[in-house]
Amino acid sequence: NAWFDFLANVPESQHAGLMLLSDHVTPVGWCFMSGYGVHTFRWVNKEGKSVFIKQGVKQFTEDEAVKMCGEDPVHAKRDLWEHIEKGDDARWTMLVQVMTPEEAKSVSF
């Protein structure tokens, strides 16, 4: 299976694989799902100043996920479909953690 070959042979894929195959989190819906950026990214503005970022997500608590999966197992697909059917845009807002290069120098890892 090509997907499992990808997980086995591309070290960067292992975080995404572990998240997808675990009970780590259940996203509130497609609009809140992580894009699983494996790495930290660097944003650079027009002045050449940069910050490091990690993407944020919104997920159910364990109790909410158990309830939602039992009551409406296709809630995420239905929610996105209804959103588009109403004529709303299917846009995502990216929530990120930000750290300057100077702040990165002081972390312990």
C-alpha atoms as a PDB file:
ATOM      1  CA  ASN A   1       0.000   0.000   0.000  1.00  0.00           C
ATOM      2  CA  ALA A   2       1.562   3.290  -1.109  1.00  0.00           C
ATOM      3  CA  TRP A   3       0.217   5.175   1.899  1.00  0.00           C
ATOM      4  CA  PHE A   4       1.950   2.850   4.349  1.00  0.00           C
ATOM      5  CA  ASP A   5       5.132   2.959   2.230  1.00  0.00           C
ATOM      6  CA  PHE A   6       5.012   6.736   2.569  1.00  0.00           C
ATOM      7  CA  LEU A   7       4.647   6.471   6.365  1.00  0.00           C
ATOM      8  CA  ALA A   8       7.426   3.908   6.633  1.00  0.00           C
ATOM      9  CA  ASN A   9       9.927   5.614   4.350  1.00  0.00           C
ATOM     10  CA  VAL A  10       9.431   9.345   4.887  1.00  0.00           C
ATOM     11  CA  PRO A  11      10.339  10.356   8.451  1.00  0.00           C
ATOM     12  CA  GLU A  12       8.428  13.631   8.135  1.00  0.00           C
ATOM     13  CA  SER A  13       5.191  11.690   7.584  1.00  0.00           C
ATOM     14  CA  GLN A  14       5.284   9.836  10.884  1.00  0.00           C
ATOM     15  CA  HIS A  15       3.666  12.605  12.954  1.00  0.00           C
ATOM     16  CA  ALA A  16       0.711  12.779  10.575  1.00  0.00           C
ATOM     17  CA  GLY A  17       0.446   8.983  10.503  1.00  0.00           C
ATOM     18  CA  LEU A  18       0.446   8.741  14.271  1.00  0.00           C
ATOM     19  CA  MET A  19      -2.241  11.424  14.552  1.00  0.00           C
ATOM     20  CA  LEU A  20      -4.436   9.850  11.871  1.00  0.00           C
ATOM     21  CA  LEU A  21      -4.152   6.339  13.316  1.00  0.00           C
ATOM     22  CA  SER A  22      -4.588   7.290  16.962  1.00  0.00           C
ATOM     23  CA  ASP A  23      -7.341   8.624  19.156  1.00  0.00           C
ATOM     24  CA  HIS A  24      -5.277  11.793  19.697  1.00  0.00           C
ATOM     25  CA  VAL A  25      -8.027  14.231  18.702  1.00  0.00           C
ATOM     26  CA  THR A  26     -11.267  14.478  16.759  1.00  0.00           C
ATOM     27  CA  PRO A  27     -11.528  17.743  14.816  1.00  0.00           C
ATOM     28  CA  VAL A  28     -14.729  19.757  15.275  1.00  0.00           C
ATOM     29  CA  GLY A  29     -15.190  19.654  11.480  1.00  0.00           C
ATOM     30  CA  TRP A  30     -13.396  19.945   8.151  1.00  0.00           C
ATOM     31  CA  CYS A  31     -13.092  23.694   8.676  1.00  0.00           C
ATOM     32  CA  PHE A  32     -11.109  23.091  11.872  1.00  0.00           C
ATOM     33  CA  MET A  33      -8.969  20.172  10.730  1.00  0.00           C
ATOM     34  CA  SER A  34      -5.214  20.358  10.931  1.00  0.00           C
ATOM     35  CA  GLY A  35      -3.268  20.445   7.707  1.00  0.00           C
ATOM     36  CA  TYR A  36      -0.584  18.525   9.618  1.00  0.00           C
ATOM     37  CA  GLY A  37       2.294  20.773   8.759  1.00  0.00           C
ATOM     38  CA  VAL A  38       5.053  18.528  10.038  1.00  0.00           C
ATOM     39  CA  HIS A  39       7.613  21.259  10.449  1.00  0.00           C
ATOM     40  CA  THR A  40       7.747  24.727  11.888  1.00  0.00           C
ATOM     41  CA  PHE A  41       7.446  27.319   9.137  1.00  0.00           C
ATOM     42  CA  ARG A  42       9.079  30.746   8.841  1.00  0.00           C
ATOM     43  CA  TRP A  43       7.058  33.772   7.772  1.00  0.00           C
ATOM     44  CA  VAL A  44       9.010  36.767   6.487  1.00  0.00           C
ATOM     45  CA  ASN A  45       7.437  40.222   6.135  1.00  0.00           C
ATOM     46  CA  LYS A  46       8.278  42.977   3.625  1.00  0.00           C
ATOM     47  CA  GLU A  47      10.945  44.369   5.953  1.00  0.00           C
ATOM     48  CA  GLY A  48      12.725  41.011   6.073  1.00  0.00           C
ATOM     49  CA  LYS A  49      11.789  40.324   9.721  1.00  0.00           C
ATOM     50  CA  SER A  50      10.772  36.757  10.374  1.00  0.00           C
ATOM     51  CA  VAL A  51       8.869  34.651  12.890  1.00  0.00           C
ATOM     52  CA  PHE A  52       8.504  30.886  13.264  1.00  0.00           C
ATOM     53  CA  ILE A  53       4.965  29.486  13.221  1.00  0.00           C
ATOM     54  CA  LYS A  54       3.065  26.270  13.990  1.00  0.00           C
ATOM     55  CA  GLN A  55      -0.549  25.736  12.926  1.00  0.00           C
ATOM     56  CA  GLY A  56      -3.336  25.605  15.512  1.00  0.00           C
ATOM     57  CA  VAL A  57      -6.464  23.434  15.414  1.00  0.00           C
ATOM     58  CA  LYS A  58      -9.864  23.207  17.102  1.00  0.00           C
ATOM     59  CA  GLN A  59     -10.972  19.808  18.368  1.00  0.00           C
ATOM     60  CA  PHE A  60     -13.609  18.116  20.491  1.00  0.00           C
ATOM     61  CA  THR A  61     -12.900  17.045  24.036  1.00  0.00           C
ATOM     62  CA  GLU A  62     -12.906  13.269  24.445  1.00  0.00           C
ATOM     63  CA  ASP A  63     -16.451  13.296  25.854  1.00  0.00           C
ATOM     64  CA  GLU A  64     -17.707  15.533  23.027  1.00  0.00           C
ATOM     65  CA  ALA A  65     -16.039  13.295  20.407  1.00  0.00           C
ATOM     66  CA  VAL A  66     -17.573  10.105  21.834  1.00  0.00           C
ATOM     67  CA  LYS A  67     -21.015  11.731  21.890  1.00  0.00           C
ATOM     68  CA  MET A  68     -20.706  13.213  18.383  1.00  0.00           C
ATOM     69  CA  CYS A  69     -19.391  10.008  16.806  1.00  0.00           C
ATOM     70  CA  GLY A  70     -22.283   8.064  18.311  1.00  0.00           C
ATOM     71  CA  GLU A  71     -24.993  10.568  17.424  1.00  0.00           C
ATOM     72  CA  ASP A  72     -23.771  11.857  14.053  1.00  0.00           C
ATOM     73  CA  PRO A  73     -20.750   9.964  12.672  1.00  0.00           C
ATOM     74  CA  VAL A  74     -20.705  11.993   9.431  1.00  0.00           C
ATOM     75  CA  HIS A  75     -21.057  15.367  11.144  1.00  0.00           C
ATOM     76  CA  ALA A  76     -17.901  16.836   9.602  1.00  0.00           C
ATOM     77  CA  LYS A  77     -18.892  15.982   6.013  1.00  0.00           C
ATOM     78  CA  ARG A  78     -22.478  17.147   6.587  1.00  0.00           C
ATOM     79  CA  ASP A  79     -21.317  20.378   8.224  1.00  0.00           C
ATOM     80  CA  LEU A  80     -19.042  21.263   5.282  1.00  0.00           C
ATOM     81  CA  TRP A  81     -21.692  20.266   2.709  1.00  0.00           C
ATOM     82  CA  GLU A  82     -24.374  22.391   4.427  1.00  0.00           C
ATOM     83  CA  HIS A  83     -21.945  25.290   4.712  1.00  0.00           C
ATOM     84  CA  ILE A  84     -21.295  25.243   0.949  1.00  0.00           C
ATOM     85  CA  GLU A  85     -24.968  24.622   0.071  1.00  0.00           C
ATOM     86  CA  LYS A  86     -25.923  27.823   1.967  1.00  0.00           C
ATOM     87  CA  GLY A  87     -23.575  29.692  -0.343  1.00  0.00           C
ATOM     88  CA  ASP A  88     -20.988  30.328   2.341  1.00  0.00           C
ATOM     89  CA  ASP A  89     -17.355  30.358   1.319  1.00  0.00           C
ATOM     90  CA  ALA A  90     -15.263  27.314   2.134  1.00  0.00           C
ATOM     91  CA  ARG A  91     -12.388  29.336   3.545  1.00  0.00           C
ATOM     92  CA  TRP A  92     -10.071  28.530   6.369  1.00  0.00           C
ATOM     93  CA  THR A  93      -8.514  30.843   8.901  1.00  0.00           C
ATOM     94  CA  MET A  94      -5.058  29.751   9.899  1.00  0.00           C
ATOM     95  CA  LEU A  95      -4.376  29.966  13.629  1.00  0.00           C
ATOM     96  CA  VAL A  96      -0.698  29.826  14.455  1.00  0.00           C
ATOM     97  CA  GLN A  97       1.763  29.938  17.311  1.00  0.00           C
ATOM     98  CA  VAL A  98       4.426  32.575  16.687  1.00  0.00           C
ATOM     99  CA  MET A  99       8.032  32.717  17.923  1.00  0.00           C
ATOM    100  CA  THR A 100      10.748  35.127  16.854  1.00  0.00           C
ATOM    101  CA  PRO A 101      14.231  33.780  16.027  1.00  0.00           C
ATOM    102  CA  GLU A 102      15.468  35.494  19.179  1.00  0.00           C
ATOM    103  CA  GLU A 103      12.873  33.682  21.307  1.00  0.00           C
ATOM    104  CA  ALA A 104      13.768  30.383  19.605  1.00  0.00           C
ATOM    105  CA  LYS A 105      17.338  30.676  20.866  1.00  0.00           C
ATOM    106  CA  SER A 106      16.144  30.494  24.470  1.00  0.00           C
ATOM    107  CA  VAL A 107      14.093  27.263  24.269  1.00  0.00           C
ATOM    108  CA  SER A 108      15.524  24.088  25.748  1.00  0.00           C
ATOM    109  CA  PHE A 109      14.975  21.800  22.747  1.00  0.00           C
END
